[in-house]
Amino acid sequence: DLRGHGDSDWSPGSEYTTAQYAVD
């Protein structure tokens, strides 16, 4: 489950970048 989706945590500060998803 990508961050902010499914049962995964939401990103603090509501910031989502492609780079963060790639690191995950």
PDBML (XML) file of the C-alpha atoms, coordinates in Angstrom:
<?xml version="1.0" encoding="UTF-8" ?>
<PDBx:datablock datablockName="MODEL"
   xmlns:PDBx="http://pdbml.pdb.org/schema/pdbx-v50.xsd"
   xmlns:xsi="http://www.w3.org/2001/XMLSchema-instance"
   xsi:schemaLocation="http://pdbml.pdb.org/schema/pdbx-v50.xsd pdbx-v50.xsd">
   <PDBx:atom_siteCategory>
      <PDBx:atom_site id="1">
         <PDBx:B_iso_or_equiv>0.00</PDBx:B_iso_or_equiv>
         <PDBx:Cartn_x>0.000</PDBx:Cartn_x>
         <PDBx:Cartn_y>0.000</PDBx:Cartn_y>
         <PDBx:Cartn_z>0.000</PDBx:Cartn_z>
         <PDBx:auth_asym_id>A</PDBx:auth_asym_id>
         <PDBx:auth_atom_id>CA</PDBx:auth_atom_id>
         <PDBx:auth_comp_id>ASP</PDBx:auth_comp_id>
         <PDBx:auth_seq_id>1</PDBx:auth_seq_id>
         <PDBx:group_PDB>ATOM</PDBx:group_PDB>
         <PDBx:label_alt_id xsi:nil="true" />
         <PDBx:label_asym_id>A</PDBx:label_asym_id>
         <PDBx:label_atom_id>CA</PDBx:label_atom_id>
         <PDBx:label_comp_id>ASP</PDBx:label_comp_id>
         <PDBx:label_entity_id>1</PDBx:label_entity_id>
         <PDBx:label_seq_id>1</PDBx:label_seq_id>
         <PDBx:occupancy>1.00</PDBx:occupancy>
         <PDBx:pdbx_PDB_model_num>1</PDBx:pdbx_PDB_model_num>
         <PDBx:type_symbol>C</PDBx:type_symbol>
      </PDBx:atom_site>
      <PDBx:atom_site id="2">
         <PDBx:B_iso_or_equiv>0.00</PDBx:B_iso_or_equiv>
         <PDBx:Cartn_x>1.714</PDBx:Cartn_x>
         <PDBx:Cartn_y>3.218</PDBx:Cartn_y>
         <PDBx:Cartn_z>-1.074</PDBx:Cartn_z>
         <PDBx:auth_asym_id>A</PDBx:auth_asym_id>
         <PDBx:auth_atom_id>CA</PDBx:auth_atom_id>
         <PDBx:auth_comp_id>LEU</PDBx:auth_comp_id>
         <PDBx:auth_seq_id>2</PDBx:auth_seq_id>
         <PDBx:group_PDB>ATOM</PDBx:group_PDB>
         <PDBx:label_alt_id xsi:nil="true" />
         <PDBx:label_asym_id>A</PDBx:label_asym_id>
         <PDBx:label_atom_id>CA</PDBx:label_atom_id>
         <PDBx:label_comp_id>LEU</PDBx:label_comp_id>
         <PDBx:label_entity_id>1</PDBx:label_entity_id>
         <PDBx:label_seq_id>2</PDBx:label_seq_id>
         <PDBx:occupancy>1.00</PDBx:occupancy>
         <PDBx:pdbx_PDB_model_num>1</PDBx:pdbx_PDB_model_num>
         <PDBx:type_symbol>C</PDBx:type_symbol>
      </PDBx:atom_site>
      <PDBx:atom_site id="3">
         <PDBx:B_iso_or_equiv>0.00</PDBx:B_iso_or_equiv>
         <PDBx:Cartn_x>2.028</PDBx:Cartn_x>
         <PDBx:Cartn_y>5.930</PDBx:Cartn_y>
         <PDBx:Cartn_z>1.560</PDBx:Cartn_z>
         <PDBx:auth_asym_id>A</PDBx:auth_asym_id>
         <PDBx:auth_atom_id>CA</PDBx:auth_atom_id>
         <PDBx:auth_comp_id>ARG</PDBx:auth_comp_id>
         <PDBx:auth_seq_id>3</PDBx:auth_seq_id>
         <PDBx:group_PDB>ATOM</PDBx:group_PDB>
         <PDBx:label_alt_id xsi:nil="true" />
         <PDBx:label_asym_id>A</PDBx:label_asym_id>
         <PDBx:label_atom_id>CA</PDBx:label_atom_id>
         <PDBx:label_comp_id>ARG</PDBx:label_comp_id>
         <PDBx:label_entity_id>1</PDBx:label_entity_id>
         <PDBx:label_seq_id>3</PDBx:label_seq_id>
         <PDBx:occupancy>1.00</PDBx:occupancy>
         <PDBx:pdbx_PDB_model_num>1</PDBx:pdbx_PDB_model_num>
         <PDBx:type_symbol>C</PDBx:type_symbol>
      </PDBx:atom_site>
      <PDBx:atom_site id="4">
         <PDBx:B_iso_or_equiv>0.00</PDBx:B_iso_or_equiv>
         <PDBx:Cartn_x>-1.314</PDBx:Cartn_x>
         <PDBx:Cartn_y>7.688</PDBx:Cartn_y>
         <PDBx:Cartn_z>1.959</PDBx:Cartn_z>
         <PDBx:auth_asym_id>A</PDBx:auth_asym_id>
         <PDBx:auth_atom_id>CA</PDBx:auth_atom_id>
         <PDBx:auth_comp_id>GLY</PDBx:auth_comp_id>
         <PDBx:auth_seq_id>4</PDBx:auth_seq_id>
         <PDBx:group_PDB>ATOM</PDBx:group_PDB>
         <PDBx:label_alt_id xsi:nil="true" />
         <PDBx:label_asym_id>A</PDBx:label_asym_id>
         <PDBx:label_atom_id>CA</PDBx:label_atom_id>
         <PDBx:label_comp_id>GLY</PDBx:label_comp_id>
         <PDBx:label_entity_id>1</PDBx:label_entity_id>
         <PDBx:label_seq_id>4</PDBx:label_seq_id>
         <PDBx:occupancy>1.00</PDBx:occupancy>
         <PDBx:pdbx_PDB_model_num>1</PDBx:pdbx_PDB_model_num>
         <PDBx:type_symbol>C</PDBx:type_symbol>
      </PDBx:atom_site>
      <PDBx:atom_site id="5">
         <PDBx:B_iso_or_equiv>0.00</PDBx:B_iso_or_equiv>
         <PDBx:Cartn_x>-3.153</PDBx:Cartn_x>
         <PDBx:Cartn_y>4.660</PDBx:Cartn_y>
         <PDBx:Cartn_z>0.556</PDBx:Cartn_z>
         <PDBx:auth_asym_id>A</PDBx:auth_asym_id>
         <PDBx:auth_atom_id>CA</PDBx:auth_atom_id>
         <PDBx:auth_comp_id>HIS</PDBx:auth_comp_id>
         <PDBx:auth_seq_id>5</PDBx:auth_seq_id>
         <PDBx:group_PDB>ATOM</PDBx:group_PDB>
         <PDBx:label_alt_id xsi:nil="true" />
         <PDBx:label_asym_id>A</PDBx:label_asym_id>
         <PDBx:label_atom_id>CA</PDBx:label_atom_id>
         <PDBx:label_comp_id>HIS</PDBx:label_comp_id>
         <PDBx:label_entity_id>1</PDBx:label_entity_id>
         <PDBx:label_seq_id>5</PDBx:label_seq_id>
         <PDBx:occupancy>1.00</PDBx:occupancy>
         <PDBx:pdbx_PDB_model_num>1</PDBx:pdbx_PDB_model_num>
         <PDBx:type_symbol>C</PDBx:type_symbol>
      </PDBx:atom_site>
      <PDBx:atom_site id="6">
         <PDBx:B_iso_or_equiv>0.00</PDBx:B_iso_or_equiv>
         <PDBx:Cartn_x>-4.704</PDBx:Cartn_x>
         <PDBx:Cartn_y>1.467</PDBx:Cartn_y>
         <PDBx:Cartn_z>1.904</PDBx:Cartn_z>
         <PDBx:auth_asym_id>A</PDBx:auth_asym_id>
         <PDBx:auth_atom_id>CA</PDBx:auth_atom_id>
         <PDBx:auth_comp_id>GLY</PDBx:auth_comp_id>
         <PDBx:auth_seq_id>6</PDBx:auth_seq_id>
         <PDBx:group_PDB>ATOM</PDBx:group_PDB>
         <PDBx:label_alt_id xsi:nil="true" />
         <PDBx:label_asym_id>A</PDBx:label_asym_id>
         <PDBx:label_atom_id>CA</PDBx:label_atom_id>
         <PDBx:label_comp_id>GLY</PDBx:label_comp_id>
         <PDBx:label_entity_id>1</PDBx:label_entity_id>
         <PDBx:label_seq_id>6</PDBx:label_seq_id>
         <PDBx:occupancy>1.00</PDBx:occupancy>
         <PDBx:pdbx_PDB_model_num>1</PDBx:pdbx_PDB_model_num>
         <PDBx:type_symbol>C</PDBx:type_symbol>
      </PDBx:atom_site>
      <PDBx:atom_site id="7">
         <PDBx:B_iso_or_equiv>0.00</PDBx:B_iso_or_equiv>
         <PDBx:Cartn_x>-3.455</PDBx:Cartn_x>
         <PDBx:Cartn_y>0.590</PDBx:Cartn_y>
         <PDBx:Cartn_z>5.378</PDBx:Cartn_z>
         <PDBx:auth_asym_id>A</PDBx:auth_asym_id>
         <PDBx:auth_atom_id>CA</PDBx:auth_atom_id>
         <PDBx:auth_comp_id>ASP</PDBx:auth_comp_id>
         <PDBx:auth_seq_id>7</PDBx:auth_seq_id>
         <PDBx:group_PDB>ATOM</PDBx:group_PDB>
         <PDBx:label_alt_id xsi:nil="true" />
         <PDBx:label_asym_id>A</PDBx:label_asym_id>
         <PDBx:label_atom_id>CA</PDBx:label_atom_id>
         <PDBx:label_comp_id>ASP</PDBx:label_comp_id>
         <PDBx:label_entity_id>1</PDBx:label_entity_id>
         <PDBx:label_seq_id>7</PDBx:label_seq_id>
         <PDBx:occupancy>1.00</PDBx:occupancy>
         <PDBx:pdbx_PDB_model_num>1</PDBx:pdbx_PDB_model_num>
         <PDBx:type_symbol>C</PDBx:type_symbol>
      </PDBx:atom_site>
      <PDBx:atom_site id="8">
         <PDBx:B_iso_or_equiv>0.00</PDBx:B_iso_or_equiv>
         <PDBx:Cartn_x>-0.236</PDBx:Cartn_x>
         <PDBx:Cartn_y>2.614</PDBx:Cartn_y>
         <PDBx:Cartn_z>5.137</PDBx:Cartn_z>
         <PDBx:auth_asym_id>A</PDBx:auth_asym_id>
         <PDBx:auth_atom_id>CA</PDBx:auth_atom_id>
         <PDBx:auth_comp_id>SER</PDBx:auth_comp_id>
         <PDBx:auth_seq_id>8</PDBx:auth_seq_id>
         <PDBx:group_PDB>ATOM</PDBx:group_PDB>
         <PDBx:label_alt_id xsi:nil="true" />
         <PDBx:label_asym_id>A</PDBx:label_asym_id>
         <PDBx:label_atom_id>CA</PDBx:label_atom_id>
         <PDBx:label_comp_id>SER</PDBx:label_comp_id>
         <PDBx:label_entity_id>1</PDBx:label_entity_id>
         <PDBx:label_seq_id>8</PDBx:label_seq_id>
         <PDBx:occupancy>1.00</PDBx:occupancy>
         <PDBx:pdbx_PDB_model_num>1</PDBx:pdbx_PDB_model_num>
         <PDBx:type_symbol>C</PDBx:type_symbol>
      </PDBx:atom_site>
      <PDBx:atom_site id="9">
         <PDBx:B_iso_or_equiv>0.00</PDBx:B_iso_or_equiv>
         <PDBx:Cartn_x>0.397</PDBx:Cartn_x>
         <PDBx:Cartn_y>5.799</PDBx:Cartn_y>
         <PDBx:Cartn_z>7.111</PDBx:Cartn_z>
         <PDBx:auth_asym_id>A</PDBx:auth_asym_id>
         <PDBx:auth_atom_id>CA</PDBx:auth_atom_id>
         <PDBx:auth_comp_id>ASP</PDBx:auth_comp_id>
         <PDBx:auth_seq_id>9</PDBx:auth_seq_id>
         <PDBx:group_PDB>ATOM</PDBx:group_PDB>
         <PDBx:label_alt_id xsi:nil="true" />
         <PDBx:label_asym_id>A</PDBx:label_asym_id>
         <PDBx:label_atom_id>CA</PDBx:label_atom_id>
         <PDBx:label_comp_id>ASP</PDBx:label_comp_id>
         <PDBx:label_entity_id>1</PDBx:label_entity_id>
         <PDBx:label_seq_id>9</PDBx:label_seq_id>
         <PDBx:occupancy>1.00</PDBx:occupancy>
         <PDBx:pdbx_PDB_model_num>1</PDBx:pdbx_PDB_model_num>
         <PDBx:type_symbol>C</PDBx:type_symbol>
      </PDBx:atom_site>
      <PDBx:atom_site id="10">
         <PDBx:B_iso_or_equiv>0.00</PDBx:B_iso_or_equiv>
         <PDBx:Cartn_x>-0.447</PDBx:Cartn_x>
         <PDBx:Cartn_y>9.181</PDBx:Cartn_y>
         <PDBx:Cartn_z>5.682</PDBx:Cartn_z>
         <PDBx:auth_asym_id>A</PDBx:auth_asym_id>
         <PDBx:auth_atom_id>CA</PDBx:auth_atom_id>
         <PDBx:auth_comp_id>TRP</PDBx:auth_comp_id>
         <PDBx:auth_seq_id>10</PDBx:auth_seq_id>
         <PDBx:group_PDB>ATOM</PDBx:group_PDB>
         <PDBx:label_alt_id xsi:nil="true" />
         <PDBx:label_asym_id>A</PDBx:label_asym_id>
         <PDBx:label_atom_id>CA</PDBx:label_atom_id>
         <PDBx:label_comp_id>TRP</PDBx:label_comp_id>
         <PDBx:label_entity_id>1</PDBx:label_entity_id>
         <PDBx:label_seq_id>10</PDBx:label_seq_id>
         <PDBx:occupancy>1.00</PDBx:occupancy>
         <PDBx:pdbx_PDB_model_num>1</PDBx:pdbx_PDB_model_num>
         <PDBx:type_symbol>C</PDBx:type_symbol>
      </PDBx:atom_site>
      <PDBx:atom_site id="11">
         <PDBx:B_iso_or_equiv>0.00</PDBx:B_iso_or_equiv>
         <PDBx:Cartn_x>2.441</PDBx:Cartn_x>
         <PDBx:Cartn_y>11.570</PDBx:Cartn_y>
         <PDBx:Cartn_z>5.147</PDBx:Cartn_z>
         <PDBx:auth_asym_id>A</PDBx:auth_asym_id>
         <PDBx:auth_atom_id>CA</PDBx:auth_atom_id>
         <PDBx:auth_comp_id>SER</PDBx:auth_comp_id>
         <PDBx:auth_seq_id>11</PDBx:auth_seq_id>
         <PDBx:group_PDB>ATOM</PDBx:group_PDB>
         <PDBx:label_alt_id xsi:nil="true" />
         <PDBx:label_asym_id>A</PDBx:label_asym_id>
         <PDBx:label_atom_id>CA</PDBx:label_atom_id>
         <PDBx:label_comp_id>SER</PDBx:label_comp_id>
         <PDBx:label_entity_id>1</PDBx:label_entity_id>
         <PDBx:label_seq_id>11</PDBx:label_seq_id>
         <PDBx:occupancy>1.00</PDBx:occupancy>
         <PDBx:pdbx_PDB_model_num>1</PDBx:pdbx_PDB_model_num>
         <PDBx:type_symbol>C</PDBx:type_symbol>
      </PDBx:atom_site>
      <PDBx:atom_site id="12">
         <PDBx:B_iso_or_equiv>0.00</PDBx:B_iso_or_equiv>
         <PDBx:Cartn_x>2.875</PDBx:Cartn_x>
         <PDBx:Cartn_y>14.177</PDBx:Cartn_y>
         <PDBx:Cartn_z>7.922</PDBx:Cartn_z>
         <PDBx:auth_asym_id>A</PDBx:auth_asym_id>
         <PDBx:auth_atom_id>CA</PDBx:auth_atom_id>
         <PDBx:auth_comp_id>PRO</PDBx:auth_comp_id>
         <PDBx:auth_seq_id>12</PDBx:auth_seq_id>
         <PDBx:group_PDB>ATOM</PDBx:group_PDB>
         <PDBx:label_alt_id xsi:nil="true" />
         <PDBx:label_asym_id>A</PDBx:label_asym_id>
         <PDBx:label_atom_id>CA</PDBx:label_atom_id>
         <PDBx:label_comp_id>PRO</PDBx:label_comp_id>
         <PDBx:label_entity_id>1</PDBx:label_entity_id>
         <PDBx:label_seq_id>12</PDBx:label_seq_id>
         <PDBx:occupancy>1.00</PDBx:occupancy>
         <PDBx:pdbx_PDB_model_num>1</PDBx:pdbx_PDB_model_num>
         <PDBx:type_symbol>C</PDBx:type_symbol>
      </PDBx:atom_site>
      <PDBx:atom_site id="13">
         <PDBx:B_iso_or_equiv>0.00</PDBx:B_iso_or_equiv>
         <PDBx:Cartn_x>2.364</PDBx:Cartn_x>
         <PDBx:Cartn_y>17.693</PDBx:Cartn_y>
         <PDBx:Cartn_z>6.650</PDBx:Cartn_z>
         <PDBx:auth_asym_id>A</PDBx:auth_asym_id>
         <PDBx:auth_atom_id>CA</PDBx:auth_atom_id>
         <PDBx:auth_comp_id>GLY</PDBx:auth_comp_id>
         <PDBx:auth_seq_id>13</PDBx:auth_seq_id>
         <PDBx:group_PDB>ATOM</PDBx:group_PDB>
         <PDBx:label_alt_id xsi:nil="true" />
         <PDBx:label_asym_id>A</PDBx:label_asym_id>
         <PDBx:label_atom_id>CA</PDBx:label_atom_id>
         <PDBx:label_comp_id>GLY</PDBx:label_comp_id>
         <PDBx:label_entity_id>1</PDBx:label_entity_id>
         <PDBx:label_seq_id>13</PDBx:label_seq_id>
         <PDBx:occupancy>1.00</PDBx:occupancy>
         <PDBx:pdbx_PDB_model_num>1</PDBx:pdbx_PDB_model_num>
         <PDBx:type_symbol>C</PDBx:type_symbol>
      </PDBx:atom_site>
      <PDBx:atom_site id="14">
         <PDBx:B_iso_or_equiv>0.00</PDBx:B_iso_or_equiv>
         <PDBx:Cartn_x>0.314</PDBx:Cartn_x>
         <PDBx:Cartn_y>16.282</PDBx:Cartn_y>
         <PDBx:Cartn_z>3.769</PDBx:Cartn_z>
         <PDBx:auth_asym_id>A</PDBx:auth_asym_id>
         <PDBx:auth_atom_id>CA</PDBx:auth_atom_id>
         <PDBx:auth_comp_id>SER</PDBx:auth_comp_id>
         <PDBx:auth_seq_id>14</PDBx:auth_seq_id>
         <PDBx:group_PDB>ATOM</PDBx:group_PDB>
         <PDBx:label_alt_id xsi:nil="true" />
         <PDBx:label_asym_id>A</PDBx:label_asym_id>
         <PDBx:label_atom_id>CA</PDBx:label_atom_id>
         <PDBx:label_comp_id>SER</PDBx:label_comp_id>
         <PDBx:label_entity_id>1</PDBx:label_entity_id>
         <PDBx:label_seq_id>14</PDBx:label_seq_id>
         <PDBx:occupancy>1.00</PDBx:occupancy>
         <PDBx:pdbx_PDB_model_num>1</PDBx:pdbx_PDB_model_num>
         <PDBx:type_symbol>C</PDBx:type_symbol>
      </PDBx:atom_site>
      <PDBx:atom_site id="15">
         <PDBx:B_iso_or_equiv>0.00</PDBx:B_iso_or_equiv>
         <PDBx:Cartn_x>3.332</PDBx:Cartn_x>
         <PDBx:Cartn_y>16.352</PDBx:Cartn_y>
         <PDBx:Cartn_z>1.443</PDBx:Cartn_z>
         <PDBx:auth_asym_id>A</PDBx:auth_asym_id>
         <PDBx:auth_atom_id>CA</PDBx:auth_atom_id>
         <PDBx:auth_comp_id>GLU</PDBx:auth_comp_id>
         <PDBx:auth_seq_id>15</PDBx:auth_seq_id>
         <PDBx:group_PDB>ATOM</PDBx:group_PDB>
         <PDBx:label_alt_id xsi:nil="true" />
         <PDBx:label_asym_id>A</PDBx:label_asym_id>
         <PDBx:label_atom_id>CA</PDBx:label_atom_id>
         <PDBx:label_comp_id>GLU</PDBx:label_comp_id>
         <PDBx:label_entity_id>1</PDBx:label_entity_id>
         <PDBx:label_seq_id>15</PDBx:label_seq_id>
         <PDBx:occupancy>1.00</PDBx:occupancy>
         <PDBx:pdbx_PDB_model_num>1</PDBx:pdbx_PDB_model_num>
         <PDBx:type_symbol>C</PDBx:type_symbol>
      </PDBx:atom_site>
      <PDBx:atom_site id="16">
         <PDBx:B_iso_or_equiv>0.00</PDBx:B_iso_or_equiv>
         <PDBx:Cartn_x>3.614</PDBx:Cartn_x>
         <PDBx:Cartn_y>13.656</PDBx:Cartn_y>
         <PDBx:Cartn_z>-1.223</PDBx:Cartn_z>
         <PDBx:auth_asym_id>A</PDBx:auth_asym_id>
         <PDBx:auth_atom_id>CA</PDBx:auth_atom_id>
         <PDBx:auth_comp_id>TYR</PDBx:auth_comp_id>
         <PDBx:auth_seq_id>16</PDBx:auth_seq_id>
         <PDBx:group_PDB>ATOM</PDBx:group_PDB>
         <PDBx:label_alt_id xsi:nil="true" />
         <PDBx:label_asym_id>A</PDBx:label_asym_id>
         <PDBx:label_atom_id>CA</PDBx:label_atom_id>
         <PDBx:label_comp_id>TYR</PDBx:label_comp_id>
         <PDBx:label_entity_id>1</PDBx:label_entity_id>
         <PDBx:label_seq_id>16</PDBx:label_seq_id>
         <PDBx:occupancy>1.00</PDBx:occupancy>
         <PDBx:pdbx_PDB_model_num>1</PDBx:pdbx_PDB_model_num>
         <PDBx:type_symbol>C</PDBx:type_symbol>
      </PDBx:atom_site>
      <PDBx:atom_site id="17">
         <PDBx:B_iso_or_equiv>0.00</PDBx:B_iso_or_equiv>
         <PDBx:Cartn_x>6.328</PDBx:Cartn_x>
         <PDBx:Cartn_y>13.581</PDBx:Cartn_y>
         <PDBx:Cartn_z>-3.857</PDBx:Cartn_z>
         <PDBx:auth_asym_id>A</PDBx:auth_asym_id>
         <PDBx:auth_atom_id>CA</PDBx:auth_atom_id>
         <PDBx:auth_comp_id>THR</PDBx:auth_comp_id>
         <PDBx:auth_seq_id>17</PDBx:auth_seq_id>
         <PDBx:group_PDB>ATOM</PDBx:group_PDB>
         <PDBx:label_alt_id xsi:nil="true" />
         <PDBx:label_asym_id>A</PDBx:label_asym_id>
         <PDBx:label_atom_id>CA</PDBx:label_atom_id>
         <PDBx:label_comp_id>THR</PDBx:label_comp_id>
         <PDBx:label_entity_id>1</PDBx:label_entity_id>
         <PDBx:label_seq_id>17</PDBx:label_seq_id>
         <PDBx:occupancy>1.00</PDBx:occupancy>
         <PDBx:pdbx_PDB_model_num>1</PDBx:pdbx_PDB_model_num>
         <PDBx:type_symbol>C</PDBx:type_symbol>
      </PDBx:atom_site>
      <PDBx:atom_site id="18">
         <PDBx:B_iso_or_equiv>0.00</PDBx:B_iso_or_equiv>
         <PDBx:Cartn_x>7.286</PDBx:Cartn_x>
         <PDBx:Cartn_y>10.988</PDBx:Cartn_y>
         <PDBx:Cartn_z>-6.431</PDBx:Cartn_z>
         <PDBx:auth_asym_id>A</PDBx:auth_asym_id>
         <PDBx:auth_atom_id>CA</PDBx:auth_atom_id>
         <PDBx:auth_comp_id>THR</PDBx:auth_comp_id>
         <PDBx:auth_seq_id>18</PDBx:auth_seq_id>
         <PDBx:group_PDB>ATOM</PDBx:group_PDB>
         <PDBx:label_alt_id xsi:nil="true" />
         <PDBx:label_asym_id>A</PDBx:label_asym_id>
         <PDBx:label_atom_id>CA</PDBx:label_atom_id>
         <PDBx:label_comp_id>THR</PDBx:label_comp_id>
         <PDBx:label_entity_id>1</PDBx:label_entity_id>
         <PDBx:label_seq_id>18</PDBx:label_seq_id>
         <PDBx:occupancy>1.00</PDBx:occupancy>
         <PDBx:pdbx_PDB_model_num>1</PDBx:pdbx_PDB_model_num>
         <PDBx:type_symbol>C</PDBx:type_symbol>
      </PDBx:atom_site>
      <PDBx:atom_site id="19">
         <PDBx:B_iso_or_equiv>0.00</PDBx:B_iso_or_equiv>
         <PDBx:Cartn_x>10.743</PDBx:Cartn_x>
         <PDBx:Cartn_y>10.861</PDBx:Cartn_y>
         <PDBx:Cartn_z>-4.868</PDBx:Cartn_z>
         <PDBx:auth_asym_id>A</PDBx:auth_asym_id>
         <PDBx:auth_atom_id>CA</PDBx:auth_atom_id>
         <PDBx:auth_comp_id>ALA</PDBx:auth_comp_id>
         <PDBx:auth_seq_id>19</PDBx:auth_seq_id>
         <PDBx:group_PDB>ATOM</PDBx:group_PDB>
         <PDBx:label_alt_id xsi:nil="true" />
         <PDBx:label_asym_id>A</PDBx:label_asym_id>
         <PDBx:label_atom_id>CA</PDBx:label_atom_id>
         <PDBx:label_comp_id>ALA</PDBx:label_comp_id>
         <PDBx:label_entity_id>1</PDBx:label_entity_id>
         <PDBx:label_seq_id>19</PDBx:label_seq_id>
         <PDBx:occupancy>1.00</PDBx:occupancy>
         <PDBx:pdbx_PDB_model_num>1</PDBx:pdbx_PDB_model_num>
         <PDBx:type_symbol>C</PDBx:type_symbol>
      </PDBx:atom_site>
      <PDBx:atom_site id="20">
         <PDBx:B_iso_or_equiv>0.00</PDBx:B_iso_or_equiv>
         <PDBx:Cartn_x>9.278</PDBx:Cartn_x>
         <PDBx:Cartn_y>9.912</PDBx:Cartn_y>
         <PDBx:Cartn_z>-1.475</PDBx:Cartn_z>
         <PDBx:auth_asym_id>A</PDBx:auth_asym_id>
         <PDBx:auth_atom_id>CA</PDBx:auth_atom_id>
         <PDBx:auth_comp_id>GLN</PDBx:auth_comp_id>
         <PDBx:auth_seq_id>20</PDBx:auth_seq_id>
         <PDBx:group_PDB>ATOM</PDBx:group_PDB>
         <PDBx:label_alt_id xsi:nil="true" />
         <PDBx:label_asym_id>A</PDBx:label_asym_id>
         <PDBx:label_atom_id>CA</PDBx:label_atom_id>
         <PDBx:label_comp_id>GLN</PDBx:label_comp_id>
         <PDBx:label_entity_id>1</PDBx:label_entity_id>
         <PDBx:label_seq_id>20</PDBx:label_seq_id>
         <PDBx:occupancy>1.00</PDBx:occupancy>
         <PDBx:pdbx_PDB_model_num>1</PDBx:pdbx_PDB_model_num>
         <PDBx:type_symbol>C</PDBx:type_symbol>
      </PDBx:atom_site>
      <PDBx:atom_site id="21">
         <PDBx:B_iso_or_equiv>0.00</PDBx:B_iso_or_equiv>
         <PDBx:Cartn_x>7.276</PDBx:Cartn_x>
         <PDBx:Cartn_y>7.098</PDBx:Cartn_y>
         <PDBx:Cartn_z>-3.036</PDBx:Cartn_z>
         <PDBx:auth_asym_id>A</PDBx:auth_asym_id>
         <PDBx:auth_atom_id>CA</PDBx:auth_atom_id>
         <PDBx:auth_comp_id>TYR</PDBx:auth_comp_id>
         <PDBx:auth_seq_id>21</PDBx:auth_seq_id>
         <PDBx:group_PDB>ATOM</PDBx:group_PDB>
         <PDBx:label_alt_id xsi:nil="true" />
         <PDBx:label_asym_id>A</PDBx:label_asym_id>
         <PDBx:label_atom_id>CA</PDBx:label_atom_id>
         <PDBx:label_comp_id>TYR</PDBx:label_comp_id>
         <PDBx:label_entity_id>1</PDBx:label_entity_id>
         <PDBx:label_seq_id>21</PDBx:label_seq_id>
         <PDBx:occupancy>1.00</PDBx:occupancy>
         <PDBx:pdbx_PDB_model_num>1</PDBx:pdbx_PDB_model_num>
         <PDBx:type_symbol>C</PDBx:type_symbol>
      </PDBx:atom_site>
      <PDBx:atom_site id="22">
         <PDBx:B_iso_or_equiv>0.00</PDBx:B_iso_or_equiv>
         <PDBx:Cartn_x>10.392</PDBx:Cartn_x>
         <PDBx:Cartn_y>5.870</PDBx:Cartn_y>
         <PDBx:Cartn_z>-4.862</PDBx:Cartn_z>
         <PDBx:auth_asym_id>A</PDBx:auth_asym_id>
         <PDBx:auth_atom_id>CA</PDBx:auth_atom_id>
         <PDBx:auth_comp_id>ALA</PDBx:auth_comp_id>
         <PDBx:auth_seq_id>22</PDBx:auth_seq_id>
         <PDBx:group_PDB>ATOM</PDBx:group_PDB>
         <PDBx:label_alt_id xsi:nil="true" />
         <PDBx:label_asym_id>A</PDBx:label_asym_id>
         <PDBx:label_atom_id>CA</PDBx:label_atom_id>
         <PDBx:label_comp_id>ALA</PDBx:label_comp_id>
         <PDBx:label_entity_id>1</PDBx:label_entity_id>
         <PDBx:label_seq_id>22</PDBx:label_seq_id>
         <PDBx:occupancy>1.00</PDBx:occupancy>
         <PDBx:pdbx_PDB_model_num>1</PDBx:pdbx_PDB_model_num>
         <PDBx:type_symbol>C</PDBx:type_symbol>
      </PDBx:atom_site>
      <PDBx:atom_site id="23">
         <PDBx:B_iso_or_equiv>0.00</PDBx:B_iso_or_equiv>
         <PDBx:Cartn_x>12.366</PDBx:Cartn_x>
         <PDBx:Cartn_y>5.799</PDBx:Cartn_y>
         <PDBx:Cartn_z>-1.594</PDBx:Cartn_z>
         <PDBx:auth_asym_id>A</PDBx:auth_asym_id>
         <PDBx:auth_atom_id>CA</PDBx:auth_atom_id>
         <PDBx:auth_comp_id>VAL</PDBx:auth_comp_id>
         <PDBx:auth_seq_id>23</PDBx:auth_seq_id>
         <PDBx:group_PDB>ATOM</PDBx:group_PDB>
         <PDBx:label_alt_id xsi:nil="true" />
         <PDBx:label_asym_id>A</PDBx:label_asym_id>
         <PDBx:label_atom_id>CA</PDBx:label_atom_id>
         <PDBx:label_comp_id>VAL</PDBx:label_comp_id>
         <PDBx:label_entity_id>1</PDBx:label_entity_id>
         <PDBx:label_seq_id>23</PDBx:label_seq_id>
         <PDBx:occupancy>1.00</PDBx:occupancy>
         <PDBx:pdbx_PDB_model_num>1</PDBx:pdbx_PDB_model_num>
         <PDBx:type_symbol>C</PDBx:type_symbol>
      </PDBx:atom_site>
      <PDBx:atom_site id="24">
         <PDBx:B_iso_or_equiv>0.00</PDBx:B_iso_or_equiv>
         <PDBx:Cartn_x>9.565</PDBx:Cartn_x>
         <PDBx:Cartn_y>3.759</PDBx:Cartn_y>
         <PDBx:Cartn_z>-0.016</PDBx:Cartn_z>
         <PDBx:auth_asym_id>A</PDBx:auth_asym_id>
         <PDBx:auth_atom_id>CA</PDBx:auth_atom_id>
         <PDBx:auth_comp_id>ASP</PDBx:auth_comp_id>
         <PDBx:auth_seq_id>24</PDBx:auth_seq_id>
         <PDBx:group_PDB>ATOM</PDBx:group_PDB>
         <PDBx:label_alt_id xsi:nil="true" />
         <PDBx:label_asym_id>A</PDBx:label_asym_id>
         <PDBx:label_atom_id>CA</PDBx:label_atom_id>
         <PDBx:label_comp_id>ASP</PDBx:label_comp_id>
         <PDBx:label_entity_id>1</PDBx:label_entity_id>
         <PDBx:label_seq_id>24</PDBx:label_seq_id>
         <PDBx:occupancy>1.00</PDBx:occupancy>
         <PDBx:pdbx_PDB_model_num>1</PDBx:pdbx_PDB_model_num>
         <PDBx:type_symbol>C</PDBx:type_symbol>
      </PDBx:atom_site>
   </PDBx:atom_siteCategory>
</PDBx:datablock>
